[in-house]
PDB file of N, CA and C in Angstrom:
ATOM      1  N   MET A   1       0.849  -1.171   0.000  1.00  0.00           N
ATOM      2  CA  MET A   1      -0.003  -0.004   0.002  1.00  0.00           C
ATOM      3  C   MET A   1       0.897   1.238  -0.001  1.00  0.00           C
ATOM      4  N   SER A   2       0.627   2.161  -0.889  1.00  0.00           N
ATOM      5  CA  SER A   2       1.453   3.361  -0.976  1.00  0.00           C
ATOM      6  C   SER A   2       1.201   4.270   0.228  1.00  0.00           C
ATOM      7  N   SER A   3       2.131   5.199   0.453  1.00  0.00           N
ATOM      8  CA  SER A   3       1.981   6.106   1.600  1.00  0.00           C
ATOM      9  C   SER A   3       0.758   7.025   1.407  1.00  0.00           C
ATOM     10  N   ARG A   4       0.462   7.370   0.150  1.00  0.00           N
ATOM     11  CA  ARG A   4      -0.722   8.209  -0.113  1.00  0.00           C
ATOM     12  C   ARG A   4      -2.000   7.439   0.196  1.00  0.00           C
ATOM     13  N   ALA A   5      -2.061   6.185  -0.170  1.00  0.00           N
ATOM     14  CA  ALA A   5      -3.236   5.356   0.110  1.00  0.00           C
ATOM     15  C   ALA A   5      -3.415   5.172   1.617  1.00  0.00           C
ATOM     16  N   LYS A   6      -2.300   5.007   2.359  1.00  0.00           N
ATOM     17  CA  LYS A   6      -2.386   4.900   3.820  1.00  0.00           C
ATOM     18  C   LYS A   6      -2.945   6.180   4.416  1.00  0.00           C
ATOM     19  N   MET A   7      -2.477   7.306   3.912  1.00  0.00           N
ATOM     20  CA  MET A   7      -2.931   8.588   4.441  1.00  0.00           C
ATOM     21  C   MET A   7      -4.427   8.764   4.193  1.00  0.00           C
ATOM     22  N   ILE A   8      -4.892   8.424   3.013  1.00  0.00           N
ATOM     23  CA  ILE A   8      -6.310   8.575   2.674  1.00  0.00           C
ATOM     24  C   ILE A   8      -7.159   7.628   3.514  1.00  0.00           C
ATOM     25  N   SER A   9      -6.714   6.383   3.670  1.00  0.00           N
ATOM     26  CA  SER A   9      -7.524   5.418   4.429  1.00  0.00           C
ATOM     27  C   SER A   9      -7.528   5.711   5.930  1.00  0.00           C
ATOM     28  N   SER A  10      -6.508   6.414   6.429  1.00  0.00           N
ATOM     29  CA  SER A  10      -6.455   6.719   7.862  1.00  0.00           C
ATOM     30  C   SER A  10      -7.175   8.011   8.221  1.00  0.00           C
ATOM     31  N   CYS A  11      -7.623   8.753   7.229  1.00  0.00           N
ATOM     32  CA  CYS A  11      -8.354   9.998   7.518  1.00  0.00           C
ATOM     33  C   CYS A  11      -9.720   9.665   8.103  1.00  0.00           C
ATOM     34  N   SER A  12     -10.077  10.395   9.113  1.00  0.00           N
ATOM     35  CA  SER A  12     -11.402  10.178   9.690  1.00  0.00           C
ATOM     36  C   SER A  12     -12.412  11.017   8.930  1.00  0.00           C
ATOM     37  N   PRO A  13     -13.652  10.553   8.844  1.00  0.00           N
ATOM     38  CA  PRO A  13     -14.667  11.322   8.124  1.00  0.00           C
ATOM     39  C   PRO A  13     -14.993  12.610   8.873  1.00  0.00           C
ATOM     40  N   PHE A  14     -15.522  13.564   8.135  1.00  0.00           N
ATOM     41  CA  PHE A  14     -15.932  14.807   8.763  1.00  0.00           C
ATOM     42  C   PHE A  14     -17.100  14.531   9.708  1.00  0.00           C
ATOM     43  N   PRO A  15     -17.151  15.246  10.826  1.00  0.00           N
ATOM     44  CA  PRO A  15     -18.287  15.040  11.743  1.00  0.00           C
ATOM     45  C   PRO A  15     -19.580  15.573  11.114  1.00  0.00           C
ATOM     46  N   ILE A  16     -20.669  14.948  11.472  1.00  0.00           N
ATOM     47  CA  ILE A  16     -21.971  15.396  10.966  1.00  0.00           C
ATOM     48  C   ILE A  16     -22.327  16.712  11.641  1.00  0.00           C
ATOM     49  N   GLU A  17     -22.796  17.656  10.852  1.00  0.00           N
ATOM     50  CA  GLU A  17     -23.199  18.962  11.388  1.00  0.00           C
ATOM     51  C   GLU A  17     -24.625  19.237  10.946  1.00  0.00           C
ATOM     52  N   ILE A  18     -25.500  19.468  11.908  1.00  0.00           N
ATOM     53  CA  ILE A  18     -26.902  19.771  11.622  1.00  0.00           C
ATOM     54  C   ILE A  18     -27.120  21.255  11.884  1.00  0.00           C
ATOM     55  N   VAL A  19     -27.537  21.974  10.856  1.00  0.00           N
ATOM     56  CA  VAL A  19     -27.780  23.420  10.971  1.00  0.00           C
ATOM     57  C   VAL A  19     -29.277  23.659  10.811  1.00  0.00           C
ATOM     58  N   SER A  20     -29.872  24.356  11.780  1.00  0.00           N
ATOM     59  CA  SER A  20     -31.300  24.674  11.746  1.00  0.00           C
ATOM     60  C   SER A  20     -31.481  26.179  11.620  1.00  0.00           C
ATOM     61  N   ALA A  21     -32.594  26.566  11.014  1.00  0.00           N
ATOM     62  CA  ALA A  21     -32.901  27.990  10.884  1.00  0.00           C
ATOM     63  C   ALA A  21     -34.378  28.223  11.114  1.00  0.00           C
ATOM     64  N   GLU A  22     -34.667  29.270  11.824  1.00  0.00           N
ATOM     65  CA  GLU A  22     -36.047  29.720  12.025  1.00  0.00           C
ATOM     66  C   GLU A  22     -36.185  31.021  11.246  1.00  0.00           C
ATOM     67  N   ILE A  23     -37.029  31.007  10.237  1.00  0.00           N
ATOM     68  CA  ILE A  23     -37.190  32.170   9.360  1.00  0.00           C
ATOM     69  C   ILE A  23     -38.580  32.750   9.571  1.00  0.00           C
ATOM     70  N   LYS A  24     -38.625  34.022   9.882  1.00  0.00           N
ATOM     71  CA  LYS A  24     -39.898  34.707  10.067  1.00  0.00           C
ATOM     72  C   LYS A  24     -39.943  35.909   9.126  1.00  0.00           C
ATOM     73  N   ILE A  25     -41.090  36.118   8.493  1.00  0.00           N
ATOM     74  CA  ILE A  25     -41.240  37.305   7.650  1.00  0.00           C
ATOM     75  C   ILE A  25     -42.055  38.383   8.363  1.00  0.00           C
ATOM     76  N   ASP A  26     -42.666  38.005   9.478  1.00  0.00           N
ATOM     77  CA  ASP A  26     -43.430  38.964  10.283  1.00  0.00           C
ATOM     78  C   ASP A  26     -42.469  39.679  11.235  1.00  0.00           C
ATOM     79  N   PRO A  27     -42.296  40.990  11.075  1.00  0.00           N
ATOM     80  CA  PRO A  27     -41.351  41.697  11.957  1.00  0.00           C
ATOM     81  C   PRO A  27     -41.845  41.782  13.400  1.00  0.00           C
ATOM     82  N   LEU A  28     -43.068  41.340  13.679  1.00  0.00           N
ATOM     83  CA  LEU A  28     -43.598  41.393  15.040  1.00  0.00           C
ATOM     84  C   LEU A  28     -43.370  40.078  15.790  1.00  0.00           C
ATOM     85  N   ALA A  29     -42.609  39.155  15.238  1.00  0.00           N
ATOM     86  CA  ALA A  29     -42.435  37.828  15.844  1.00  0.00           C
ATOM     87  C   ALA A  29     -41.012  37.500  16.293  1.00  0.00           C
ATOM     88  N   PRO A  30     -40.197  38.456  16.731  1.00  0.00           N
ATOM     89  CA  PRO A  30     -38.837  38.090  17.114  1.00  0.00           C
ATOM     90  C   PRO A  30     -38.770  37.212  18.351  1.00  0.00           C
ATOM     91  N   VAL A  31     -39.696  37.363  19.286  1.00  0.00           N
ATOM     92  CA  VAL A  31     -39.684  36.544  20.498  1.00  0.00           C
ATOM     93  C   VAL A  31     -40.026  35.096  20.150  1.00  0.00           C
ATOM     94  N   VAL A  32     -41.011  34.902  19.276  1.00  0.00           N
ATOM     95  CA  VAL A  32     -41.394  33.552  18.844  1.00  0.00           C
ATOM     96  C   VAL A  32     -40.222  32.905  18.100  1.00  0.00           C
ATOM     97  N   ALA A  33     -39.584  33.642  17.218  1.00  0.00           N
ATOM     98  CA  ALA A  33     -38.445  33.116  16.456  1.00  0.00           C
ATOM     99  C   ALA A  33     -37.319  32.711  17.395  1.00  0.00           C
ATOM    100  N   PHE A  34     -37.047  33.543  18.382  1.00  0.00           N
ATOM    101  CA  PHE A  34     -35.964  33.236  19.322  1.00  0.00           C
ATOM    102  C   PHE A  34     -36.286  31.970  20.128  1.00  0.00           C
ATOM    103  N   GLY A  35     -37.513  31.851  20.601  1.00  0.00           N
ATOM    104  CA  GLY A  35     -37.920  30.667  21.353  1.00  0.00           C
ATOM    105  C   GLY A  35     -37.773  29.396  20.537  1.00  0.00           C
ATOM    106  N   GLN A  36     -38.179  29.440  19.283  1.00  0.00           N
ATOM    107  CA  GLN A  36     -38.055  28.275  18.401  1.00  0.00           C
ATOM    108  C   GLN A  36     -36.585  27.933  18.172  1.00  0.00           C
ATOM    109  N   ALA A  37     -35.764  28.938  17.913  1.00  0.00           N
ATOM    110  CA  ALA A  37     -34.345  28.704  17.625  1.00  0.00           C
ATOM    111  C   ALA A  37     -33.641  28.084  18.838  1.00  0.00           C
ATOM    112  N   VAL A  38     -33.973  28.542  20.026  1.00  0.00           N
ATOM    113  CA  VAL A  38     -33.351  27.965  21.228  1.00  0.00           C
ATOM    114  C   VAL A  38     -33.789  26.498  21.384  1.00  0.00           C
ATOM    115  N   ALA A  39     -35.036  26.206  21.066  1.00  0.00           N
ATOM    116  CA  ALA A  39     -35.507  24.812  21.119  1.00  0.00           C
ATOM    117  C   ALA A  39     -34.759  23.942  20.106  1.00  0.00           C
ATOM    118  N   TYR A  40     -34.438  24.485  18.931  1.00  0.00           N
ATOM    119  CA  TYR A  40     -33.710  23.734  17.907  1.00  0.00           C
ATOM    120  C   TYR A  40     -32.308  23.358  18.358  1.00  0.00           C
ATOM    121  N   ARG A  41     -31.755  24.096  19.320  1.00  0.00           N
ATOM    122  CA  ARG A  41     -30.398  23.809  19.797  1.00  0.00           C
ATOM    123  C   ARG A  41     -30.294  22.414  20.382  1.00  0.00           C
ATOM    124  N   LEU A  42     -31.425  21.818  20.802  1.00  0.00           N
ATOM    125  CA  LEU A  42     -31.381  20.471  21.363  1.00  0.00           C
ATOM    126  C   LEU A  42     -30.863  19.443  20.352  1.00  0.00           C
ATOM    127  N   PHE A  43     -31.218  19.616  19.093  1.00  0.00           N
ATOM    128  CA  PHE A  43     -30.837  18.618  18.085  1.00  0.00           C
ATOM    129  C   PHE A  43     -29.959  19.174  16.970  1.00  0.00           C
ATOM    130  N   SER A  44     -29.483  20.405  17.109  1.00  0.00           N
ATOM    131  CA  SER A  44     -28.700  21.028  16.050  1.00  0.00           C
ATOM    132  C   SER A  44     -27.296  21.372  16.523  1.00  0.00           C
ATOM    133  N   THR A  45     -26.370  21.337  15.590  1.00  0.00           N
ATOM    134  CA  THR A  45     -25.013  21.769  15.877  1.00  0.00           C
ATOM    135  C   THR A  45     -24.948  23.285  15.895  1.00  0.00           C
ATOM    136  N   LYS A  46     -25.648  23.904  14.937  1.00  0.00           N
ATOM    137  CA  LYS A  46     -25.737  25.369  14.874  1.00  0.00           C
ATOM    138  C   LYS A  46     -27.192  25.748  14.577  1.00  0.00           C
ATOM    139  N   THR A  47     -27.607  26.879  15.129  1.00  0.00           N
ATOM    140  CA  THR A  47     -28.965  27.356  14.932  1.00  0.00           C
ATOM    141  C   THR A  47     -28.935  28.830  14.563  1.00  0.00           C
ATOM    142  N   TYR A  48     -29.752  29.192  13.572  1.00  0.00           N
ATOM    143  CA  TYR A  48     -29.850  30.586  13.122  1.00  0.00           C
ATOM    144  C   TYR A  48     -31.295  31.072  13.159  1.00  0.00           C
ATOM    145  N   ILE A  49     -31.432  32.374  13.308  1.00  0.00           N
ATOM    146  CA  ILE A  49     -32.710  33.074  13.150  1.00  0.00           C
ATOM    147  C   ILE A  49     -32.532  34.000  11.956  1.00  0.00           C
ATOM    148  N   ALA A  50     -33.494  33.994  11.051  1.00  0.00           N
ATOM    149  CA  ALA A  50     -33.492  34.930   9.918  1.00  0.00           C
ATOM    150  C   ALA A  50     -34.732  35.797  10.050  1.00  0.00           C
ATOM    151  N   MET A  51     -34.519  37.101  10.131  1.00  0.00           N
ATOM    152  CA  MET A  51     -35.620  38.065  10.314  1.00  0.00           C
ATOM    153  C   MET A  51     -35.475  39.192   9.295  1.00  0.00           C
ATOM    154  N   PRO A  52     -36.606  39.818   8.920  1.00  0.00           N
ATOM    155  CA  PRO A  52     -36.536  40.914   7.957  1.00  0.00           C
ATOM    156  C   PRO A  52     -35.909  42.171   8.582  1.00  0.00           C
ATOM    157  N   THR A  53     -35.337  42.973   7.728  1.00  0.00           N
ATOM    158  CA  THR A  53     -34.732  44.231   8.187  1.00  0.00           C
ATOM    159  C   THR A  53     -35.776  45.251   8.611  1.00  0.00           C
ATOM    160  N   THR A  54     -37.045  44.937   8.441  1.00  0.00           N
ATOM    161  CA  THR A  54     -38.115  45.852   8.851  1.00  0.00           C
ATOM    162  C   THR A  54     -38.373  45.806  10.353  1.00  0.00           C
ATOM    163  N   LEU A  55     -37.592  45.003  11.090  1.00  0.00           N
ATOM    164  CA  LEU A  55     -37.682  45.012  12.553  1.00  0.00           C
ATOM    165  C   LEU A  55     -37.367  46.412  13.075  1.00  0.00           C
ATOM    166  N   THR A  56     -37.938  46.781  14.182  1.00  0.00           N
ATOM    167  CA  THR A  56     -37.572  48.061  14.784  1.00  0.00           C
ATOM    168  C   THR A  56     -36.128  47.982  15.276  1.00  0.00           C
ATOM    169  N   VAL A  57     -35.502  49.109  15.435  1.00  0.00           N
ATOM    170  CA  VAL A  57     -34.115  49.156  15.909  1.00  0.00           C
ATOM    171  C   VAL A  57     -34.019  48.530  17.297  1.00  0.00           C
ATOM    172  N   GLU A  58     -35.024  48.764  18.133  1.00  0.00           N
ATOM    173  CA  GLU A  58     -35.021  48.198  19.483  1.00  0.00           C
ATOM    174  C   GLU A  58     -35.100  46.663  19.430  1.00  0.00           C
ATOM    175  N   ASP A  59     -35.990  46.138  18.584  1.00  0.00           N
ATOM    176  CA  ASP A  59     -36.110  44.683  18.460  1.00  0.00           C
ATOM    177  C   ASP A  59     -34.843  44.063  17.883  1.00  0.00           C
ATOM    178  N   GLN A  60     -34.235  44.726  16.904  1.00  0.00           N
ATOM    179  CA  GLN A  60     -32.973  44.216  16.352  1.00  0.00           C
ATOM    180  C   GLN A  60     -31.912  44.151  17.435  1.00  0.00           C
ATOM    181  N   SER A  61     -31.824  45.193  18.232  1.00  0.00           N
ATOM    182  CA  SER A  61     -30.814  45.253  19.285  1.00  0.00           C
ATOM    183  C   SER A  61     -31.045  44.174  20.344  1.00  0.00           C
ATOM    184  N   ARG A  62     -32.296  44.014  20.772  1.00  0.00           N
ATOM    185  CA  ARG A  62     -32.618  42.976  21.771  1.00  0.00           C
ATOM    186  C   ARG A  62     -32.328  41.580  21.231  1.00  0.00           C
ATOM    187  N   LEU A  63     -32.767  41.334  20.013  1.00  0.00           N
ATOM    188  CA  LEU A  63     -32.569  40.018  19.419  1.00  0.00           C
ATOM    189  C   LEU A  63     -31.085  39.722  19.223  1.00  0.00           C
ATOM    190  N   GLU A  64     -30.329  40.708  18.796  1.00  0.00           N
ATOM    191  CA  GLU A  64     -28.899  40.533  18.614  1.00  0.00           C
ATOM    192  C   GLU A  64     -28.222  40.204  19.952  1.00  0.00           C
ATOM    193  N   SER A  65     -28.607  40.884  21.010  1.00  0.00           N
ATOM    194  CA  SER A  65     -28.033  40.626  22.332  1.00  0.00           C
ATOM    195  C   SER A  65     -28.377  39.217  22.809  1.00  0.00           C
ATOM    196  N   LEU A  66     -29.635  38.817  22.646  1.00  0.00           N
ATOM    197  CA  LEU A  66     -30.054  37.471  23.057  1.00  0.00           C
ATOM    198  C   LEU A  66     -29.313  36.399  22.254  1.00  0.00           C
ATOM    199  N   CYS A  67     -29.154  36.629  20.965  1.00  0.00           N
ATOM    200  CA  CYS A  67     -28.457  35.653  20.112  1.00  0.00           C
ATOM    201  C   CYS A  67     -27.005  35.500  20.545  1.00  0.00           C
ATOM    202  N   MET A  68     -26.344  36.597  20.855  1.00  0.00           N
ATOM    203  CA  MET A  68     -24.947  36.516  21.304  1.00  0.00           C
ATOM    204  C   MET A  68     -24.870  35.787  22.646  1.00  0.00           C
ATOM    205  N   LEU A  69     -25.818  36.033  23.528  1.00  0.00           N
ATOM    206  CA  LEU A  69     -25.818  35.415  24.843  1.00  0.00           C
ATOM    207  C   LEU A  69     -26.060  33.910  24.790  1.00  0.00           C
ATOM    208  N   PHE A  70     -26.941  33.457  23.886  1.00  0.00           N
ATOM    209  CA  PHE A  70     -27.313  32.056  23.810  1.00  0.00           C
ATOM    210  C   PHE A  70     -26.646  31.291  22.670  1.00  0.00           C
ATOM    211  N   GLY A  71     -25.779  31.933  21.901  1.00  0.00           N
ATOM    212  CA  GLY A  71     -25.046  31.250  20.841  1.00  0.00           C
ATOM    213  C   GLY A  71     -25.838  30.968  19.578  1.00  0.00           C
ATOM    214  N   VAL A  72     -26.935  31.699  19.388  1.00  0.00           N
ATOM    215  CA  VAL A  72     -27.786  31.529  18.215  1.00  0.00           C
ATOM    216  C   VAL A  72     -27.343  32.551  17.161  1.00  0.00           C
ATOM    217  N   GLY A  73     -27.262  32.149  15.912  1.00  0.00           N
ATOM    218  CA  GLY A  73     -26.884  33.051  14.841  1.00  0.00           C
ATOM    219  C   GLY A  73     -28.064  33.931  14.445  1.00  0.00           C
ATOM    220  N   LEU A  74     -27.760  35.128  13.973  1.00  0.00           N
ATOM    221  CA  LEU A  74     -28.809  36.066  13.539  1.00  0.00           C
ATOM    222  C   LEU A  74     -28.472  36.562  12.137  1.00  0.00           C
ATOM    223  N   VAL A  75     -29.441  36.400  11.233  1.00  0.00           N
ATOM    224  CA  VAL A  75     -29.315  36.873   9.860  1.00  0.00           C
ATOM    225  C   VAL A  75     -30.486  37.825   9.601  1.00  0.00           C
ATOM    226  N   LEU A  76     -30.181  38.986   9.060  1.00  0.00           N
ATOM    227  CA  LEU A  76     -31.230  39.925   8.662  1.00  0.00           C
ATOM    228  C   LEU A  76     -31.290  39.935   7.145  1.00  0.00           C
ATOM    229  N   PHE A  77     -32.519  40.044   6.613  1.00  0.00           N
ATOM    230  CA  PHE A  77     -32.674  40.050   5.167  1.00  0.00           C
ATOM    231  C   PHE A  77     -33.667  41.122   4.750  1.00  0.00           C
ATOM    232  N   ASP A  78     -33.458  41.615   3.533  1.00  0.00           N
ATOM    233  CA  ASP A  78     -34.378  42.578   2.940  1.00  0.00           C
ATOM    234  C   ASP A  78     -35.566  41.789   2.399  1.00  0.00           C
ATOM    235  N   PRO A  79     -36.795  42.131   2.801  1.00  0.00           N
ATOM    236  CA  PRO A  79     -37.947  41.339   2.363  1.00  0.00           C
ATOM    237  C   PRO A  79     -38.316  41.475   0.877  1.00  0.00           C
ATOM    238  N   ASN A  80     -37.489  42.128   0.091  1.00  0.00           N
ATOM    239  CA  ASN A  80     -37.725  42.237  -1.347  1.00  0.00           C
ATOM    240  C   ASN A  80     -37.513  40.859  -1.980  1.00  0.00           C
ATOM    241  N   LYS A  81     -38.600  40.243  -2.471  1.00  0.00           N
ATOM    242  CA  LYS A  81     -38.496  38.864  -2.969  1.00  0.00           C
ATOM    243  C   LYS A  81     -37.647  38.739  -4.225  1.00  0.00           C
ATOM    244  N   ASP A  82     -37.440  39.817  -4.965  1.00  0.00           N
ATOM    245  CA  ASP A  82     -36.615  39.747  -6.177  1.00  0.00           C
ATOM    246  C   ASP A  82     -35.122  39.849  -5.869  1.00  0.00           C
ATOM    247  N   ALA A  83     -34.782  40.513  -4.773  1.00  0.00           N
ATOM    248  CA  ALA A  83     -33.366  40.672  -4.411  1.00  0.00           C
ATOM    249  C   ALA A  83     -33.212  40.730  -2.900  1.00  0.00           C
ATOM    250  N   PRO A  84     -33.422  39.587  -2.236  1.00  0.00           N
ATOM    251  CA  PRO A  84     -33.322  39.594  -0.767  1.00  0.00           C
ATOM    252  C   PRO A  84     -31.859  39.636  -0.321  1.00  0.00           C
ATOM    253  N   GLN A  85     -31.403  40.781   0.096  1.00  0.00           N
ATOM    254  CA  GLN A  85     -30.029  40.937   0.556  1.00  0.00           C
ATOM    255  C   GLN A  85     -29.940  40.414   1.987  1.00  0.00           C
ATOM    256  N   PHE A  86     -28.988  39.502   2.241  1.00  0.00           N
ATOM    257  CA  PHE A  86     -28.807  38.920   3.560  1.00  0.00           C
ATOM    258  C   PHE A  86     -27.557  39.470   4.216  1.00  0.00           C
ATOM    259  N   SER A  87     -27.621  39.676   5.526  1.00  0.00           N
ATOM    260  CA  SER A  87     -26.419  40.080   6.269  1.00  0.00           C
ATOM    261  C   SER A  87     -26.390  39.312   7.582  1.00  0.00           C
ATOM    262  N   ILE A  88     -25.239  38.739   7.881  1.00  0.00           N
ATOM    263  CA  ILE A  88     -25.067  37.995   9.126  1.00  0.00           C
ATOM    264  C   ILE A  88     -24.685  38.987  10.212  1.00  0.00           C
ATOM    265  N   ARG A  89     -25.530  39.074  11.225  1.00  0.00           N
ATOM    266  CA  ARG A  89     -25.273  39.991  12.345  1.00  0.00           C
ATOM    267  C   ARG A  89     -24.543  39.273  13.474  1.00  0.00           C
ATOM    268  N   VAL A  90     -24.899  37.990  13.713  1.00  0.00           N
ATOM    269  CA  VAL A  90     -24.252  37.190  14.752  1.00  0.00           C
ATOM    270  C   VAL A  90     -24.028  35.794  14.169  1.00  0.00           C
ATOM    271  N   ARG A  91     -22.815  35.284  14.298  1.00  0.00           N
ATOM    272  CA  ARG A  91     -22.539  33.912  13.849  1.00  0.00           C
ATOM    273  C   ARG A  91     -22.920  32.935  14.954  1.00  0.00           C
ATOM    274  N   ALA A  92     -23.480  31.805  14.561  1.00  0.00           N
ATOM    275  CA  ALA A  92     -23.916  30.797  15.519  1.00  0.00           C
ATOM    276  C   ALA A  92     -22.716  30.089  16.131  1.00  0.00           C
ATOM    277  N   GLN A  93     -22.837  29.757  17.397  1.00  0.00           N
ATOM    278  CA  GLN A  93     -21.820  28.952  18.075  1.00  0.00           C
ATOM    279  C   GLN A  93     -22.121  27.477  17.812  1.00  0.00           C
ATOM    280  N   ARG A  94     -21.092  26.687  17.876  1.00  0.00           N
ATOM    281  CA  ARG A  94     -21.227  25.254  17.650  1.00  0.00           C
ATOM    282  C   ARG A  94     -21.545  24.567  18.993  1.00  0.00           C
ATOM    283  N   PHE A  95     -22.584  23.737  18.982  1.00  0.00           N
ATOM    284  CA  PHE A  95     -22.979  22.965  20.153  1.00  0.00           C
ATOM    285  C   PHE A  95     -23.044  21.491  19.784  1.00  0.00           C
ATOM    286  N   SER A  96     -22.966  20.645  20.776  1.00  0.00           N
ATOM    287  CA  SER A  96     -23.125  19.206  20.555  1.00  0.00           C
ATOM    288  C   SER A  96     -24.609  18.869  20.706  1.00  0.00           C
ATOM    289  N   PRO A  97     -25.241  18.373  19.638  1.00  0.00           N
ATOM    290  CA  PRO A  97     -26.666  18.039  19.754  1.00  0.00           C
ATOM    291  C   PRO A  97     -26.879  16.843  20.683  1.00  0.00           C
ATOM    292  N   ASP A  98     -28.072  16.782  21.257  1.00  0.00           N
ATOM    293  CA  ASP A  98     -28.456  15.681  22.104  1.00  0.00           C
ATOM    294  C   ASP A  98     -28.914  14.542  21.207  1.00  0.00           C
ATOM    295  N   MET A  99     -28.163  13.474  21.136  1.00  0.00           N
ATOM    296  CA  MET A  99     -28.481  12.367  20.236  1.00  0.00           C
ATOM    297  C   MET A  99     -29.630  11.497  20.734  1.00  0.00           C
ATOM    298  N   PHE A 100     -30.109  11.751  21.932  1.00  0.00           N
ATOM    299  CA  PHE A 100     -31.187  10.941  22.476  1.00  0.00           C
ATOM    300  C   PHE A 100     -32.452  11.741  22.544  1.00  0.00           C
TER     301      PHE A 100
END
């Protein structure tokens, strides 16, 4: 067996990563979105919330703070269906899902 074949056969596979997202188009539902995303953390490696940019500044600030505190990612998007511009405000932290 060549050294290259040994190296390839000894490589371990990449770990499975489950990414969940809670997407809301209603700017009045940030609390519901956050609750759902936190629940998804039970079975997900990473969890994101996607909310429209039409959220109030206060709601954006609160949601961003909660996401940073609980390790949930936050993505804001322009609700224009022809050109929805996305921006990542908080990157999700990696957690170990509960396999049971």
